[in-house]
PDB file of N, CA and C in Angstrom:
ATOM      1  N   MET A   1     -40.230 -98.986 133.342  1.00  0.00           N
ATOM      2  CA  MET A   1     -41.326 -99.327 134.225  1.00  0.00           C
ATOM      3  C   MET A   1     -40.805 -99.797 135.584  1.00  0.00           C
ATOM      4  N   VAL A   2     -39.688-100.516 135.596  1.00  0.00           N
ATOM      5  CA  VAL A   2     -39.127-101.006 136.854  1.00  0.00           C
ATOM      6  C   VAL A   2     -38.647 -99.835 137.703  1.00  0.00           C
ATOM      7  N   THR A   3     -38.005 -98.855 137.092  1.00  0.00           N
ATOM      8  CA  THR A   3     -37.527 -97.673 137.814  1.00  0.00           C
ATOM      9  C   THR A   3     -38.704 -96.924 138.438  1.00  0.00           C
ATOM     10  N   ALA A   4     -39.797 -96.828 137.705  1.00  0.00           N
ATOM     11  CA  ALA A   4     -40.995 -96.158 138.230  1.00  0.00           C
ATOM     12  C   ALA A   4     -41.566 -96.924 139.425  1.00  0.00           C
ATOM     13  N   LYS A   5     -41.553 -98.241 139.381  1.00  0.00           N
ATOM     14  CA  LYS A   5     -42.042 -99.052 140.504  1.00  0.00           C
ATOM     15  C   LYS A   5     -41.136 -98.904 141.723  1.00  0.00           C
ATOM     16  N   ILE A   6     -39.824 -98.852 141.505  1.00  0.00           N
ATOM     17  CA  ILE A   6     -38.891 -98.637 142.617  1.00  0.00           C
ATOM     18  C   ILE A   6     -39.210 -97.306 143.300  1.00  0.00           C
ATOM     19  N   GLN A   7     -39.441 -96.265 142.512  1.00  0.00           N
ATOM     20  CA  GLN A   7     -39.775 -94.949 143.066  1.00  0.00           C
ATOM     21  C   GLN A   7     -41.107 -95.002 143.809  1.00  0.00           C
ATOM     22  N   GLU A   8     -42.082 -95.697 143.261  1.00  0.00           N
ATOM     23  CA  GLU A   8     -43.401 -95.810 143.891  1.00  0.00           C
ATOM     24  C   GLU A   8     -43.314 -96.485 145.263  1.00  0.00           C
ATOM     25  N   VAL A   9     -42.582 -97.582 145.345  1.00  0.00           N
ATOM     26  CA  VAL A   9     -42.424 -98.300 146.615  1.00  0.00           C
ATOM     27  C   VAL A   9     -41.621 -97.455 147.607  1.00  0.00           C
ATOM     28  N   ALA A  10     -40.578 -96.789 147.131  1.00  0.00           N
ATOM     29  CA  ALA A  10     -39.773 -95.938 148.004  1.00  0.00           C
ATOM     30  C   ALA A  10     -40.613 -94.806 148.583  1.00  0.00           C
ATOM     31  N   THR A  11     -41.466 -94.210 147.784  1.00  0.00           N
ATOM     32  CA  THR A  11     -42.345 -93.143 148.256  1.00  0.00           C
ATOM     33  C   THR A  11     -43.280 -93.654 149.339  1.00  0.00           C
ATOM     34  N   GLU A  12     -43.805 -94.849 149.147  1.00  0.00           N
ATOM     35  CA  GLU A  12     -44.718 -95.424 150.140  1.00  0.00           C
ATOM     36  C   GLU A  12     -44.025 -95.655 151.484  1.00  0.00           C
ATOM     37  N   PHE A  13     -42.738 -96.013 151.459  1.00  0.00           N
ATOM     38  CA  PHE A  13     -41.984 -96.251 152.686  1.00  0.00           C
ATOM     39  C   PHE A  13     -41.245 -94.998 153.168  1.00  0.00           C
ATOM     40  N   GLU A  14     -41.491 -93.855 152.508  1.00  0.00           N
ATOM     41  CA  GLU A  14     -40.914 -92.568 152.867  1.00  0.00           C
ATOM     42  C   GLU A  14     -39.383 -92.569 152.840  1.00  0.00           C
ATOM     43  N   VAL A  15     -38.821 -93.191 151.800  1.00  0.00           N
ATOM     44  CA  VAL A  15     -37.385 -93.177 151.566  1.00  0.00           C
ATOM     45  C   VAL A  15     -37.142 -92.739 150.127  1.00  0.00           C
ATOM     46  N   GLU A  16     -35.893 -92.527 149.775  1.00  0.00           N
ATOM     47  CA  GLU A  16     -35.525 -92.059 148.437  1.00  0.00           C
ATOM     48  C   GLU A  16     -34.567 -93.061 147.801  1.00  0.00           C
ATOM     49  N   PRO A  17     -34.806 -93.481 146.535  1.00  0.00           N
ATOM     50  CA  PRO A  17     -33.838 -94.365 145.860  1.00  0.00           C
ATOM     51  C   PRO A  17     -32.492 -93.665 145.699  1.00  0.00           C
ATOM     52  N   LEU A  18     -31.432 -94.410 145.821  1.00  0.00           N
ATOM     53  CA  LEU A  18     -30.075 -93.870 145.722  1.00  0.00           C
ATOM     54  C   LEU A  18     -29.684 -93.709 144.254  1.00  0.00           C
ATOM     55  N   GLN A  19     -29.138 -92.558 143.902  1.00  0.00           N
ATOM     56  CA  GLN A  19     -28.728 -92.282 142.526  1.00  0.00           C
ATOM     57  C   GLN A  19     -27.465 -93.060 142.176  1.00  0.00           C
ATOM     58  N   GLY A  20     -27.344 -93.430 140.924  1.00  0.00           N
ATOM     59  CA  GLY A  20     -26.121 -94.056 140.432  1.00  0.00           C
ATOM     60  C   GLY A  20     -26.062 -95.565 140.606  1.00  0.00           C
ATOM     61  N   VAL A  21     -27.128 -96.181 141.094  1.00  0.00           N
ATOM     62  CA  VAL A  21     -27.146 -97.628 141.294  1.00  0.00           C
ATOM     63  C   VAL A  21     -27.784 -98.281 140.074  1.00  0.00           C
ATOM     64  N   LEU A  22     -27.123 -99.302 139.529  1.00  0.00           N
ATOM     65  CA  LEU A  22     -27.624-100.002 138.356  1.00  0.00           C
ATOM     66  C   LEU A  22     -27.873-101.470 138.671  1.00  0.00           C
ATOM     67  N   SER A  23     -28.970-101.997 138.148  1.00  0.00           N
ATOM     68  CA  SER A  23     -29.239-103.434 138.186  1.00  0.00           C
ATOM     69  C   SER A  23     -28.936-103.971 136.797  1.00  0.00           C
ATOM     70  N   HIS A  24     -28.374-105.159 136.711  1.00  0.00           N
ATOM     71  CA  HIS A  24     -27.890-105.670 135.435  1.00  0.00           C
ATOM     72  C   HIS A  24     -28.588-106.962 135.026  1.00  0.00           C
ATOM     73  N   LYS A  25     -28.693-107.133 133.711  1.00  0.00           N
ATOM     74  CA  LYS A  25     -29.082-108.421 133.154  1.00  0.00           C
ATOM     75  C   LYS A  25     -27.835-109.304 133.210  1.00  0.00           C
ATOM     76  N   THR A  26     -27.955-110.458 133.837  1.00  0.00           N
ATOM     77  CA  THR A  26     -26.817-111.324 134.095  1.00  0.00           C
ATOM     78  C   THR A  26     -26.733-112.419 133.044  1.00  0.00           C
ATOM     79  N   LYS A  27     -25.508-112.693 132.614  1.00  0.00           N
ATOM     80  CA  LYS A  27     -25.246-113.790 131.694  1.00  0.00           C
ATOM     81  C   LYS A  27     -24.250-114.735 132.345  1.00  0.00           C
ATOM     82  N   LYS A  28     -24.063-115.884 131.787  1.00  0.00           N
ATOM     83  CA  LYS A  28     -23.129-116.855 132.332  1.00  0.00           C
ATOM     84  C   LYS A  28     -21.729-116.245 132.400  1.00  0.00           C
ATOM     85  N   HIS A  29     -21.120-116.313 133.571  1.00  0.00           N
ATOM     86  CA  HIS A  29     -19.778-115.791 133.834  1.00  0.00           C
ATOM     87  C   HIS A  29     -19.677-114.272 133.674  1.00  0.00           C
ATOM     88  N   LEU A  30     -20.811-113.546 133.713  1.00  0.00           N
ATOM     89  CA  LEU A  30     -20.799-112.093 133.569  1.00  0.00           C
ATOM     90  C   LEU A  30     -21.876-111.494 134.463  1.00  0.00           C
ATOM     91  N   ASN A  31     -21.470-110.862 135.570  1.00  0.00           N
ATOM     92  CA  ASN A  31     -22.429-110.250 136.487  1.00  0.00           C
ATOM     93  C   ASN A  31     -22.978-108.942 135.975  1.00  0.00           C
ATOM     94  N   ASP A  32     -22.171-108.149 135.300  1.00  0.00           N
ATOM     95  CA  ASP A  32     -22.574-106.821 134.861  1.00  0.00           C
ATOM     96  C   ASP A  32     -22.749-106.792 133.355  1.00  0.00           C
ATOM     97  N   GLY A  33     -23.955-107.113 132.884  1.00  0.00           N
ATOM     98  CA  GLY A  33     -24.241-107.102 131.454  1.00  0.00           C
ATOM     99  C   GLY A  33     -24.480-105.690 130.943  1.00  0.00           C
ATOM    100  N   ASN A  34     -24.721-105.563 129.657  1.00  0.00           N
ATOM    101  CA  ASN A  34     -24.919-104.258 129.031  1.00  0.00           C
ATOM    102  C   ASN A  34     -26.324-103.710 129.224  1.00  0.00           C
ATOM    103  N   GLU A  35     -27.301-104.571 129.433  1.00  0.00           N
ATOM    104  CA  GLU A  35     -28.679-104.120 129.606  1.00  0.00           C
ATOM    105  C   GLU A  35     -28.910-103.884 131.094  1.00  0.00           C
ATOM    106  N   VAL A  36     -29.240-102.641 131.460  1.00  0.00           N
ATOM    107  CA  VAL A  36     -29.319-102.259 132.865  1.00  0.00           C
ATOM    108  C   VAL A  36     -30.645-101.582 133.191  1.00  0.00           C
ATOM    109  N   ILE A  37     -30.962-101.582 134.481  1.00  0.00           N
ATOM    110  CA  ILE A  37     -32.107-100.866 135.032  1.00  0.00           C
ATOM    111  C   ILE A  37     -31.532 -99.875 136.033  1.00  0.00           C
ATOM    112  N   ILE A  38     -31.868 -98.608 135.900  1.00  0.00           N
ATOM    113  CA  ILE A  38     -31.340 -97.596 136.807  1.00  0.00           C
ATOM    114  C   ILE A  38     -32.249 -97.480 138.023  1.00  0.00           C
ATOM    115  N   ASN A  39     -31.648 -97.313 139.192  1.00  0.00           N
ATOM    116  CA  ASN A  39     -32.390 -97.231 140.450  1.00  0.00           C
ATOM    117  C   ASN A  39     -33.199 -95.932 140.532  1.00  0.00           C
ATOM    118  N   LYS A  40     -32.595 -94.811 140.098  1.00  0.00           N
ATOM    119  CA  LYS A  40     -33.264 -93.510 140.100  1.00  0.00           C
ATOM    120  C   LYS A  40     -32.817 -92.739 138.875  1.00  0.00           C
ATOM    121  N   GLU A  41     -33.762 -92.404 138.029  1.00  0.00           N
ATOM    122  CA  GLU A  41     -33.433 -91.693 136.792  1.00  0.00           C
ATOM    123  C   GLU A  41     -33.329 -90.194 137.064  1.00  0.00           C
ATOM    124  N   THR A  42     -32.269 -89.583 136.560  1.00  0.00           N
ATOM    125  CA  THR A  42     -32.061 -88.139 136.676  1.00  0.00           C
ATOM    126  C   THR A  42     -31.802 -87.591 135.274  1.00  0.00           C
ATOM    127  N   PRO A  43     -31.866 -86.278 135.100  1.00  0.00           N
ATOM    128  CA  PRO A  43     -31.570 -85.712 133.770  1.00  0.00           C
ATOM    129  C   PRO A  43     -30.161 -86.061 133.281  1.00  0.00           C
ATOM    130  N   ASP A  44     -29.209 -86.224 134.202  1.00  0.00           N
ATOM    131  CA  ASP A  44     -27.831 -86.541 133.821  1.00  0.00           C
ATOM    132  C   ASP A  44     -27.609 -88.023 133.579  1.00  0.00           C
ATOM    133  N   GLN A  45     -28.403 -88.865 134.235  1.00  0.00           N
ATOM    134  CA  GLN A  45     -28.217 -90.319 134.140  1.00  0.00           C
ATOM    135  C   GLN A  45     -29.473 -90.970 133.580  1.00  0.00           C
ATOM    136  N   ARG A  46     -29.348 -91.511 132.394  1.00  0.00           N
ATOM    137  CA  ARG A  46     -30.448 -92.231 131.762  1.00  0.00           C
ATOM    138  C   ARG A  46     -29.871 -93.488 131.125  1.00  0.00           C
ATOM    139  N   VAL A  47     -30.706 -94.509 130.990  1.00  0.00           N
ATOM    140  CA  VAL A  47     -30.285 -95.746 130.342  1.00  0.00           C
ATOM    141  C   VAL A  47     -31.268 -96.077 129.225  1.00  0.00           C
ATOM    142  N   ASP A  48     -30.831 -96.904 128.300  1.00  0.00           N
ATOM    143  CA  ASP A  48     -31.691 -97.316 127.193  1.00  0.00           C
ATOM    144  C   ASP A  48     -32.758 -98.289 127.679  1.00  0.00           C
ATOM    145  N   ASP A  49     -33.946 -98.196 127.083  1.00  0.00           N
ATOM    146  CA  ASP A  49     -35.023 -99.134 127.394  1.00  0.00           C
ATOM    147  C   ASP A  49     -34.763-100.466 126.705  1.00  0.00           C
ATOM    148  N   TRP A  50     -35.202-101.544 127.328  1.00  0.00           N
ATOM    149  CA  TRP A  50     -35.121-102.874 126.733  1.00  0.00           C
ATOM    150  C   TRP A  50     -36.249-103.713 127.307  1.00  0.00           C
ATOM    151  N   THR A  51     -36.523-104.845 126.707  1.00  0.00           N
ATOM    152  CA  THR A  51     -37.658-105.675 127.075  1.00  0.00           C
ATOM    153  C   THR A  51     -37.181-106.968 127.715  1.00  0.00           C
ATOM    154  N   PHE A  52     -37.854-107.355 128.806  1.00  0.00           N
ATOM    155  CA  PHE A  52     -37.568-108.645 129.432  1.00  0.00           C
ATOM    156  C   PHE A  52     -37.988-109.766 128.494  1.00  0.00           C
ATOM    157  N   GLU A  53     -37.200-110.807 128.440  1.00  0.00           N
ATOM    158  CA  GLU A  53     -37.513-111.975 127.630  1.00  0.00           C
ATOM    159  C   GLU A  53     -37.558-113.199 128.530  1.00  0.00           C
ATOM    160  N   ALA A  54     -38.201-114.247 128.073  1.00  0.00           N
ATOM    161  CA  ALA A  54     -38.249-115.498 128.831  1.00  0.00           C
ATOM    162  C   ALA A  54     -36.827-116.017 129.035  1.00  0.00           C
ATOM    163  N   GLY A  55     -36.499-116.406 130.255  1.00  0.00           N
ATOM    164  CA  GLY A  55     -35.179-116.938 130.552  1.00  0.00           C
ATOM    165  C   GLY A  55     -34.162-115.906 130.990  1.00  0.00           C
ATOM    166  N   ASP A  56     -34.517-114.610 130.978  1.00  0.00           N
ATOM    167  CA  ASP A  56     -33.591-113.579 131.430  1.00  0.00           C
ATOM    168  C   ASP A  56     -33.385-113.676 132.936  1.00  0.00           C
ATOM    169  N   VAL A  57     -32.172-113.435 133.364  1.00  0.00           N
ATOM    170  CA  VAL A  57     -31.847-113.376 134.783  1.00  0.00           C
ATOM    171  C   VAL A  57     -31.412-111.948 135.083  1.00  0.00           C
ATOM    172  N   ILE A  58     -32.110-111.312 136.016  1.00  0.00           N
ATOM    173  CA  ILE A  58     -31.847-109.924 136.354  1.00  0.00           C
ATOM    174  C   ILE A  58     -31.247-109.860 137.753  1.00  0.00           C
ATOM    175  N   HIS A  59     -30.130-109.189 137.874  1.00  0.00           N
ATOM    176  CA  HIS A  59     -29.463-108.976 139.152  1.00  0.00           C
ATOM    177  C   HIS A  59     -29.973-107.636 139.673  1.00  0.00           C
ATOM    178  N   LEU A  60     -31.025-107.656 140.498  1.00  0.00           N
ATOM    179  CA  LEU A  60     -31.706-106.433 140.919  1.00  0.00           C
ATOM    180  C   LEU A  60     -31.080-105.882 142.198  1.00  0.00           C
ATOM    181  N   ASP A  61     -30.478-104.712 142.102  1.00  0.00           N
ATOM    182  CA  ASP A  61     -29.897-104.009 143.243  1.00  0.00           C
ATOM    183  C   ASP A  61     -30.759-102.786 143.522  1.00  0.00           C
ATOM    184  N   VAL A  62     -31.376-102.737 144.696  1.00  0.00           N
ATOM    185  CA  VAL A  62     -32.202-101.597 145.080  1.00  0.00           C
ATOM    186  C   VAL A  62     -31.638-101.035 146.376  1.00  0.00           C
ATOM    187  N   TYR A  63     -31.170 -99.800 146.327  1.00  0.00           N
ATOM    188  CA  TYR A  63     -30.635 -99.116 147.494  1.00  0.00           C
ATOM    189  C   TYR A  63     -31.486 -97.885 147.752  1.00  0.00           C
ATOM    190  N   THR A  64     -31.860 -97.668 149.009  1.00  0.00           N
ATOM    191  CA  THR A  64     -32.645 -96.499 149.371  1.00  0.00           C
ATOM    192  C   THR A  64     -31.980 -95.785 150.546  1.00  0.00           C
ATOM    193  N   THR A  65     -32.381 -94.541 150.743  1.00  0.00           N
ATOM    194  CA  THR A  65     -31.846 -93.741 151.834  1.00  0.00           C
ATOM    195  C   THR A  65     -32.956 -92.882 152.413  1.00  0.00           C
ATOM    196  N   SER A  66     -32.825 -92.550 153.673  1.00  0.00           N
ATOM    197  CA  SER A  66     -33.789 -91.639 154.286  1.00  0.00           C
ATOM    198  C   SER A  66     -33.387 -90.190 154.023  1.00  0.00           C
ATOM    199  N   GLY A  67     -32.266 -89.987 153.346  1.00  0.00           N
ATOM    200  CA  GLY A  67     -31.773 -88.646 153.020  1.00  0.00           C
ATOM    201  C   GLY A  67     -32.268 -88.177 151.666  1.00  0.00           C
ATOM    202  N   ASP A  68     -31.385 -87.505 150.936  1.00  0.00           N
ATOM    203  CA  ASP A  68     -31.764 -86.880 149.668  1.00  0.00           C
ATOM    204  C   ASP A  68     -31.517 -87.752 148.439  1.00  0.00           C
ATOM    205  N   GLY A  69     -31.064 -88.986 148.622  1.00  0.00           N
ATOM    206  CA  GLY A  69     -30.851 -89.878 147.493  1.00  0.00           C
ATOM    207  C   GLY A  69     -29.466 -89.806 146.887  1.00  0.00           C
ATOM    208  N   MET A  70     -28.573 -89.082 147.527  1.00  0.00           N
ATOM    209  CA  MET A  70     -27.209 -88.948 147.036  1.00  0.00           C
ATOM    210  C   MET A  70     -26.259 -89.713 147.957  1.00  0.00           C
ATOM    211  N   ALA A  71     -25.286 -90.392 147.368  1.00  0.00           N
ATOM    212  CA  ALA A  71     -24.275 -91.084 148.167  1.00  0.00           C
ATOM    213  C   ALA A  71     -23.237 -90.075 148.637  1.00  0.00           C
ATOM    214  N   ARG A  72     -22.659 -90.334 149.777  1.00  0.00           N
ATOM    215  CA  ARG A  72     -21.607 -89.451 150.269  1.00  0.00           C
ATOM    216  C   ARG A  72     -20.465 -90.297 150.823  1.00  0.00           C
ATOM    217  N   LYS A  73     -19.288 -89.738 150.795  1.00  0.00           N
ATOM    218  CA  LYS A  73     -18.108 -90.455 151.290  1.00  0.00           C
ATOM    219  C   LYS A  73     -18.125 -90.487 152.809  1.00  0.00           C
ATOM    220  N   ALA A  74     -17.631 -91.603 153.337  1.00  0.00           N
ATOM    221  CA  ALA A  74     -17.531 -91.762 154.783  1.00  0.00           C
ATOM    222  C   ALA A  74     -16.168 -92.348 155.108  1.00  0.00           C
ATOM    223  N   GLU A  75     -15.819 -92.326 156.355  1.00  0.00           N
ATOM    224  CA  GLU A  75     -14.528 -92.848 156.791  1.00  0.00           C
ATOM    225  C   GLU A  75     -14.497 -94.378 156.760  1.00  0.00           C
ATOM    226  N   THR A  76     -15.660 -95.014 156.896  1.00  0.00           N
ATOM    227  CA  THR A  76     -15.707 -96.475 156.913  1.00  0.00           C
ATOM    228  C   THR A  76     -15.631 -97.018 155.493  1.00  0.00           C
ATOM    229  N   ARG A  77     -15.104 -98.222 155.369  1.00  0.00           N
ATOM    230  CA  ARG A  77     -14.967 -98.857 154.053  1.00  0.00           C
ATOM    231  C   ARG A  77     -16.151 -99.778 153.785  1.00  0.00           C
ATOM    232  N   CYS A  78     -16.444 -99.972 152.531  1.00  0.00           N
ATOM    233  CA  CYS A  78     -17.498-100.896 152.118  1.00  0.00           C
ATOM    234  C   CYS A  78     -17.086-102.327 152.414  1.00  0.00           C
ATOM    235  N   THR A  79     -17.997-103.111 152.968  1.00  0.00           N
ATOM    236  CA  THR A  79     -17.697-104.510 153.257  1.00  0.00           C
ATOM    237  C   THR A  79     -18.621-105.459 152.515  1.00  0.00           C
ATOM    238  N   VAL A  80     -19.494-104.916 151.657  1.00  0.00           N
ATOM    239  CA  VAL A  80     -20.405-105.743 150.877  1.00  0.00           C
ATOM    240  C   VAL A  80     -19.995-105.609 149.413  1.00  0.00           C
ATOM    241  N   PHE A  81     -19.687-106.726 148.789  1.00  0.00           N
ATOM    242  CA  PHE A  81     -19.240-106.725 147.403  1.00  0.00           C
ATOM    243  C   PHE A  81     -20.064-107.707 146.585  1.00  0.00           C
ATOM    244  N   LYS A  82     -20.279-107.398 145.310  1.00  0.00           N
ATOM    245  CA  LYS A  82     -20.976-108.306 144.409  1.00  0.00           C
ATOM    246  C   LYS A  82     -19.948-109.236 143.782  1.00  0.00           C
ATOM    247  N   ARG A  83     -20.258-110.505 143.786  1.00  0.00           N
ATOM    248  CA  ARG A  83     -19.320-111.466 143.201  1.00  0.00           C
ATOM    249  C   ARG A  83     -20.057-112.417 142.296  1.00  0.00           C
TER     250      ARG A  83
END
């Protein structure tokens, strides 16, 4: 349902969600948990469904592009990191 809402909002703003981006359920001392939300679902990339519970902390990463939704390599390096 969250992936569908991301797509709905992106459509309204005339942008496309970026493929390959995952949001994670966060645990103490662990940023990237096993339960994830995919930014854009494709036939090649799917994740298992799970249910939010009281007390869950979700690290929501939403990336959009005005292009086709695919990342491409560039000469510049990434300067934003998750810690």
